[in-house]
Amino acid sequence: MKPRVVRRGLEMFSNLAPRVSAPRVSTALGLSPSERQIRAGMADGLTNKAIAARLGLSAHTTDDSARAIHAKLNVNTRGGAAVKAMRDRLI
């Protein structure tokens, strides 16, 4: 899925979600601090290569972390990870 498509979907769903104050529970999902940074880059619509450049990591490390994030969130795609993160108030 293209980053701009994910970004547009997030914008559409964010308008539908009720505005309530909910705790951020990313630690409950077992995401490491670096995985949380990578997840934030994914939510910003960045490619793994762009996230790697932003964080000073190798593209291989970012790819591996993205796979780990998908596994921990029990999703198969970046879009699925973004929707799951929004639903769980992680972003």
C-alpha atoms as a PDB file:
ATOM      1  CA  MET A   1       0.000   0.000   0.000  1.00  0.00           C
ATOM      2  CA  LYS A   2       1.357   3.415  -0.904  1.00  0.00           C
ATOM      3  CA  PRO A   3       2.188   5.736   2.011  1.00  0.00           C
ATOM      4  CA  ARG A   4      -0.132   8.483   0.781  1.00  0.00           C
ATOM      5  CA  VAL A   5      -3.030   6.006   0.584  1.00  0.00           C
ATOM      6  CA  VAL A   6      -2.385   4.954   4.198  1.00  0.00           C
ATOM      7  CA  ARG A   7      -2.163   8.612   5.252  1.00  0.00           C
ATOM      8  CA  ARG A   8      -5.455   9.423   3.503  1.00  0.00           C
ATOM      9  CA  GLY A   9      -7.165   6.417   5.109  1.00  0.00           C
ATOM     10  CA  LEU A  10      -5.927   7.479   8.532  1.00  0.00           C
ATOM     11  CA  GLU A  11      -7.290  10.974   7.965  1.00  0.00           C
ATOM     12  CA  MET A  12     -10.680   9.580   6.950  1.00  0.00           C
ATOM     13  CA  PHE A  13     -10.911   7.209   9.917  1.00  0.00           C
ATOM     14  CA  SER A  14      -9.678   9.788  12.406  1.00  0.00           C
ATOM     15  CA  ASN A  15     -12.694  11.949  11.572  1.00  0.00           C
ATOM     16  CA  LEU A  16     -15.014   9.032  12.367  1.00  0.00           C
ATOM     17  CA  ALA A  17     -13.391   8.016  15.648  1.00  0.00           C
ATOM     18  CA  PRO A  18     -14.901   9.471  18.805  1.00  0.00           C
ATOM     19  CA  ARG A  19     -12.700  11.980  20.557  1.00  0.00           C
ATOM     20  CA  VAL A  20     -12.074  10.509  23.971  1.00  0.00           C
ATOM     21  CA  SER A  21      -9.024  10.562  26.128  1.00  0.00           C
ATOM     22  CA  ALA A  22      -7.587   7.063  26.255  1.00  0.00           C
ATOM     23  CA  PRO A  23      -4.249   5.900  27.587  1.00  0.00           C
ATOM     24  CA  ARG A  24      -1.565   4.982  25.114  1.00  0.00           C
ATOM     25  CA  VAL A  25      -0.842   1.309  25.586  1.00  0.00           C
ATOM     26  CA  SER A  26       2.028   0.636  23.192  1.00  0.00           C
ATOM     27  CA  THR A  27       4.110  -0.858  25.983  1.00  0.00           C
ATOM     28  CA  ALA A  28       1.311  -3.350  26.640  1.00  0.00           C
ATOM     29  CA  LEU A  29       1.806  -4.682  23.116  1.00  0.00           C
ATOM     30  CA  GLY A  30       5.469  -5.290  23.808  1.00  0.00           C
ATOM     31  CA  LEU A  31       6.848  -2.810  21.262  1.00  0.00           C
ATOM     32  CA  SER A  32      10.401  -1.733  21.973  1.00  0.00           C
ATOM     33  CA  PRO A  33      11.301   1.971  21.938  1.00  0.00           C
ATOM     34  CA  SER A  34      12.875   1.630  18.476  1.00  0.00           C
ATOM     35  CA  GLU A  35       9.809  -0.241  17.197  1.00  0.00           C
ATOM     36  CA  ARG A  36       7.643   2.609  18.488  1.00  0.00           C
ATOM     37  CA  GLN A  37       9.813   5.089  16.548  1.00  0.00           C
ATOM     38  CA  ILE A  38       9.537   2.978  13.408  1.00  0.00           C
ATOM     39  CA  ARG A  39       5.773   2.614  13.910  1.00  0.00           C
ATOM     40  CA  ALA A  40       5.546   6.412  14.158  1.00  0.00           C
ATOM     41  CA  GLY A  41       7.387   6.736  10.841  1.00  0.00           C
ATOM     42  CA  MET A  42       4.993   4.219   9.302  1.00  0.00           C
ATOM     43  CA  ALA A  43       2.055   6.267  10.596  1.00  0.00           C
ATOM     44  CA  ASP A  44       3.620   9.356   8.990  1.00  0.00           C
ATOM     45  CA  GLY A  45       3.463   7.496   5.682  1.00  0.00           C
ATOM     46  CA  LEU A  46       7.217   7.055   5.299  1.00  0.00           C
ATOM     47  CA  THR A  47       8.778   4.143   3.454  1.00  0.00           C
ATOM     48  CA  ASN A  48      11.077   1.794   5.373  1.00  0.00           C
ATOM     49  CA  LYS A  49      14.040   3.367   3.566  1.00  0.00           C
ATOM     50  CA  ALA A  50      12.967   6.877   4.635  1.00  0.00           C
ATOM     51  CA  ILE A  51      12.399   5.702   8.210  1.00  0.00           C
ATOM     52  CA  ALA A  52      15.874   4.153   8.226  1.00  0.00           C
ATOM     53  CA  ALA A  53      17.410   7.423   7.029  1.00  0.00           C
ATOM     54  CA  ARG A  54      15.467   9.438   9.625  1.00  0.00           C
ATOM     55  CA  LEU A  55      16.533   7.175  12.500  1.00  0.00           C
ATOM     56  CA  GLY A  56      20.074   6.423  11.333  1.00  0.00           C
ATOM     57  CA  LEU A  57      19.369   2.714  10.876  1.00  0.00           C
ATOM     58  CA  SER A  58      20.005   0.338   8.022  1.00  0.00           C
ATOM     59  CA  ALA A  59      17.114  -0.407   5.691  1.00  0.00           C
ATOM     60  CA  HIS A  60      17.476  -4.089   6.647  1.00  0.00           C
ATOM     61  CA  THR A  61      17.002  -3.283  10.345  1.00  0.00           C
ATOM     62  CA  THR A  62      13.925  -1.186   9.561  1.00  0.00           C
ATOM     63  CA  ASP A  63      12.450  -3.975   7.411  1.00  0.00           C
ATOM     64  CA  ASP A  64      13.001  -6.526  10.188  1.00  0.00           C
ATOM     65  CA  SER A  65      11.454  -4.200  12.771  1.00  0.00           C
ATOM     66  CA  ALA A  66       8.440  -3.545  10.533  1.00  0.00           C
ATOM     67  CA  ARG A  67       7.881  -7.312  10.295  1.00  0.00           C
ATOM     68  CA  ALA A  68       8.164  -7.609  14.084  1.00  0.00           C
ATOM     69  CA  ILE A  69       5.652  -4.772  14.529  1.00  0.00           C
ATOM     70  CA  HIS A  70       3.215  -6.492  12.163  1.00  0.00           C
ATOM     71  CA  ALA A  71       3.591  -9.744  14.095  1.00  0.00           C
ATOM     72  CA  LYS A  72       3.077  -8.072  17.477  1.00  0.00           C
ATOM     73  CA  LEU A  73       0.012  -6.183  16.230  1.00  0.00           C
ATOM     74  CA  ASN A  74      -1.239  -9.350  14.497  1.00  0.00           C
ATOM     75  CA  VAL A  75      -1.605  -7.656  11.085  1.00  0.00           C
ATOM     76  CA  ASN A  76      -0.156  -8.359   7.644  1.00  0.00           C
ATOM     77  CA  THR A  77       0.133  -4.906   6.073  1.00  0.00           C
ATOM     78  CA  ARG A  78       1.284  -1.382   6.875  1.00  0.00           C
ATOM     79  CA  GLY A  79      -2.284  -0.183   6.440  1.00  0.00           C
ATOM     80  CA  GLY A  80      -3.485  -2.828   8.869  1.00  0.00           C
ATOM     81  CA  ALA A  81      -0.830  -1.743  11.364  1.00  0.00           C
ATOM     82  CA  ALA A  82      -1.901   1.889  11.000  1.00  0.00           C
ATOM     83  CA  VAL A  83      -5.597   1.082  11.518  1.00  0.00           C
ATOM     84  CA  LYS A  84      -4.813  -1.173  14.498  1.00  0.00           C
ATOM     85  CA  ALA A  85      -2.638   1.547  16.032  1.00  0.00           C
ATOM     86  CA  MET A  86      -5.418   4.108  15.590  1.00  0.00           C
ATOM     87  CA  ARG A  87      -8.045   1.825  17.097  1.00  0.00           C
ATOM     88  CA  ASP A  88      -5.817   1.075  20.078  1.00  0.00           C
ATOM     89  CA  ARG A  89      -4.976   4.774  20.435  1.00  0.00           C
ATOM     90  CA  LEU A  90      -1.278   4.170  19.787  1.00  0.00           C
ATOM     91  CA  ILE A  91      -1.056   7.103  17.369  1.00  0.00           C
END
